[in-house]
């Protein structure tokens, strides 16, 4: 049985994509485990009414209820972030 170059190339690319997806899933699992251990996400200068940050933060709280979101001065500007 012979395999064409096109088929072989397709299999190589597909296996590479699959390996990347598995590695990505492992990275996310490790990140989630570390977040569970730490238990807190601290943010600064993410106003709820700007760029959809409010929805993102609420979505995060819903998806990861075991992580406390510590919002430091949500209405701060970039200069405040540097202090």
C-alpha atoms as a PDB file:
ATOM      1  CA  UNK A   1       0.000   0.000   0.000  1.00  0.00           C
ATOM      2  CA  UNK A   2       1.471   3.327  -0.999  1.00  0.00           C
ATOM      3  CA  UNK A   3       0.679   6.633   0.639  1.00  0.00           C
ATOM      4  CA  UNK A   4       0.749   9.817  -1.373  1.00  0.00           C
ATOM      5  CA  UNK A   5       2.826  12.774  -0.235  1.00  0.00           C
ATOM      6  CA  UNK A   6      -0.354  14.783   0.213  1.00  0.00           C
ATOM      7  CA  UNK A   7      -1.853  12.154   2.527  1.00  0.00           C
ATOM      8  CA  UNK A   8       1.382  11.824   4.472  1.00  0.00           C
ATOM      9  CA  UNK A   9       1.687  15.592   4.848  1.00  0.00           C
ATOM     10  CA  UNK A  10      -1.938  15.799   5.982  1.00  0.00           C
ATOM     11  CA  UNK A  11      -1.314  13.136   8.632  1.00  0.00           C
ATOM     12  CA  UNK A  12       1.822  14.892   9.876  1.00  0.00           C
ATOM     13  CA  UNK A  13       0.004  18.234  10.147  1.00  0.00           C
ATOM     14  CA  UNK A  14      -3.002  16.641  11.862  1.00  0.00           C
ATOM     15  CA  UNK A  15      -0.812  14.855  14.408  1.00  0.00           C
ATOM     16  CA  UNK A  16       1.024  18.107  15.117  1.00  0.00           C
ATOM     17  CA  UNK A  17      -2.248  19.935  15.687  1.00  0.00           C
ATOM     18  CA  UNK A  18      -3.498  17.174  17.955  1.00  0.00           C
ATOM     19  CA  UNK A  19      -0.288  17.228  19.996  1.00  0.00           C
ATOM     20  CA  UNK A  20      -0.611  21.000  20.346  1.00  0.00           C
ATOM     21  CA  UNK A  21      -4.212  20.697  21.516  1.00  0.00           C
ATOM     22  CA  UNK A  22      -3.257  18.105  24.125  1.00  0.00           C
ATOM     23  CA  UNK A  23      -0.375  20.271  25.371  1.00  0.00           C
ATOM     24  CA  UNK A  24      -2.702  23.284  25.521  1.00  0.00           C
ATOM     25  CA  UNK A  25      -5.243  21.320  27.560  1.00  0.00           C
ATOM     26  CA  UNK A  26      -2.491  20.194  29.938  1.00  0.00           C
ATOM     27  CA  UNK A  27      -1.293  23.805  30.294  1.00  0.00           C
ATOM     28  CA  UNK A  28      -4.829  24.939  31.122  1.00  0.00           C
ATOM     29  CA  UNK A  29      -5.243  22.130  33.642  1.00  0.00           C
ATOM     30  CA  UNK A  30      -1.974  23.125  35.334  1.00  0.00           C
ATOM     31  CA  UNK A  31      -3.005  26.781  35.333  1.00  0.00           C
ATOM     32  CA  UNK A  32      -6.391  25.945  36.855  1.00  0.00           C
ATOM     33  CA  UNK A  33      -4.753  23.773  39.536  1.00  0.00           C
ATOM     34  CA  UNK A  34      -2.369  26.596  40.457  1.00  0.00           C
ATOM     35  CA  UNK A  35      -5.283  29.050  40.575  1.00  0.00           C
ATOM     36  CA  UNK A  36      -7.218  26.722  42.883  1.00  0.00           C
ATOM     37  CA  UNK A  37      -4.211  26.583  45.193  1.00  0.00           C
ATOM     38  CA  UNK A  38      -3.681  30.347  45.186  1.00  0.00           C
ATOM     39  CA  UNK A  39      -7.401  31.111  45.451  1.00  0.00           C
ATOM     40  CA  UNK A  40      -7.314  34.762  44.411  1.00  0.00           C
ATOM     41  CA  UNK A  41      -7.099  36.944  41.311  1.00  0.00           C
ATOM     42  CA  UNK A  42      -6.178  40.582  41.892  1.00  0.00           C
ATOM     43  CA  UNK A  43      -7.013  43.181  39.257  1.00  0.00           C
ATOM     44  CA  UNK A  44      -6.582  46.947  39.078  1.00  0.00           C
ATOM     45  CA  UNK A  45      -8.047  49.577  36.780  1.00  0.00           C
ATOM     46  CA  UNK A  46     -10.688  47.402  35.101  1.00  0.00           C
ATOM     47  CA  UNK A  47     -13.837  49.572  35.153  1.00  0.00           C
ATOM     48  CA  UNK A  48     -16.972  47.456  34.809  1.00  0.00           C
ATOM     49  CA  UNK A  49     -18.515  49.835  32.283  1.00  0.00           C
ATOM     50  CA  UNK A  50     -15.524  49.970  29.920  1.00  0.00           C
ATOM     51  CA  UNK A  51     -14.551  47.429  27.238  1.00  0.00           C
ATOM     52  CA  UNK A  52     -16.898  44.841  28.709  1.00  0.00           C
ATOM     53  CA  UNK A  53     -14.701  44.268  31.763  1.00  0.00           C
ATOM     54  CA  UNK A  54     -17.743  43.982  34.035  1.00  0.00           C
ATOM     55  CA  UNK A  55     -19.092  41.061  32.021  1.00  0.00           C
ATOM     56  CA  UNK A  56     -15.684  39.420  31.820  1.00  0.00           C
ATOM     57  CA  UNK A  57     -15.178  39.655  35.579  1.00  0.00           C
ATOM     58  CA  UNK A  58     -18.674  38.349  36.327  1.00  0.00           C
ATOM     59  CA  UNK A  59     -18.161  35.509  33.834  1.00  0.00           C
ATOM     60  CA  UNK A  60     -14.866  34.649  35.523  1.00  0.00           C
ATOM     61  CA  UNK A  61     -16.552  34.595  38.946  1.00  0.00           C
ATOM     62  CA  UNK A  62     -19.262  32.289  37.586  1.00  0.00           C
ATOM     63  CA  UNK A  63     -16.817  29.919  35.900  1.00  0.00           C
ATOM     64  CA  UNK A  64     -14.337  29.859  38.802  1.00  0.00           C
ATOM     65  CA  UNK A  65     -16.374  30.392  42.004  1.00  0.00           C
ATOM     66  CA  UNK A  66     -13.522  29.086  44.171  1.00  0.00           C
ATOM     67  CA  UNK A  67     -11.305  32.023  43.145  1.00  0.00           C
ATOM     68  CA  UNK A  68     -11.869  35.308  44.962  1.00  0.00           C
ATOM     69  CA  UNK A  69     -11.613  38.322  42.662  1.00  0.00           C
ATOM     70  CA  UNK A  70      -9.889  41.161  44.507  1.00  0.00           C
ATOM     71  CA  UNK A  71     -10.608  44.332  42.527  1.00  0.00           C
ATOM     72  CA  UNK A  72      -8.234  47.128  43.475  1.00  0.00           C
ATOM     73  CA  UNK A  73      -9.583  50.517  42.411  1.00  0.00           C
ATOM     74  CA  UNK A  74     -11.545  49.490  39.310  1.00  0.00           C
ATOM     75  CA  UNK A  75     -11.822  53.122  38.176  1.00  0.00           C
ATOM     76  CA  UNK A  76      -8.088  53.838  38.384  1.00  0.00           C
ATOM     77  CA  UNK A  77      -6.145  55.091  35.392  1.00  0.00           C
ATOM     78  CA  UNK A  78      -2.900  53.744  33.998  1.00  0.00           C
ATOM     79  CA  UNK A  79      -0.880  56.189  36.125  1.00  0.00           C
ATOM     80  CA  UNK A  80      -2.477  54.689  39.247  1.00  0.00           C
ATOM     81  CA  UNK A  81      -1.444  51.210  38.139  1.00  0.00           C
ATOM     82  CA  UNK A  82       2.209  52.224  38.251  1.00  0.00           C
ATOM     83  CA  UNK A  83       2.095  53.431  41.861  1.00  0.00           C
END
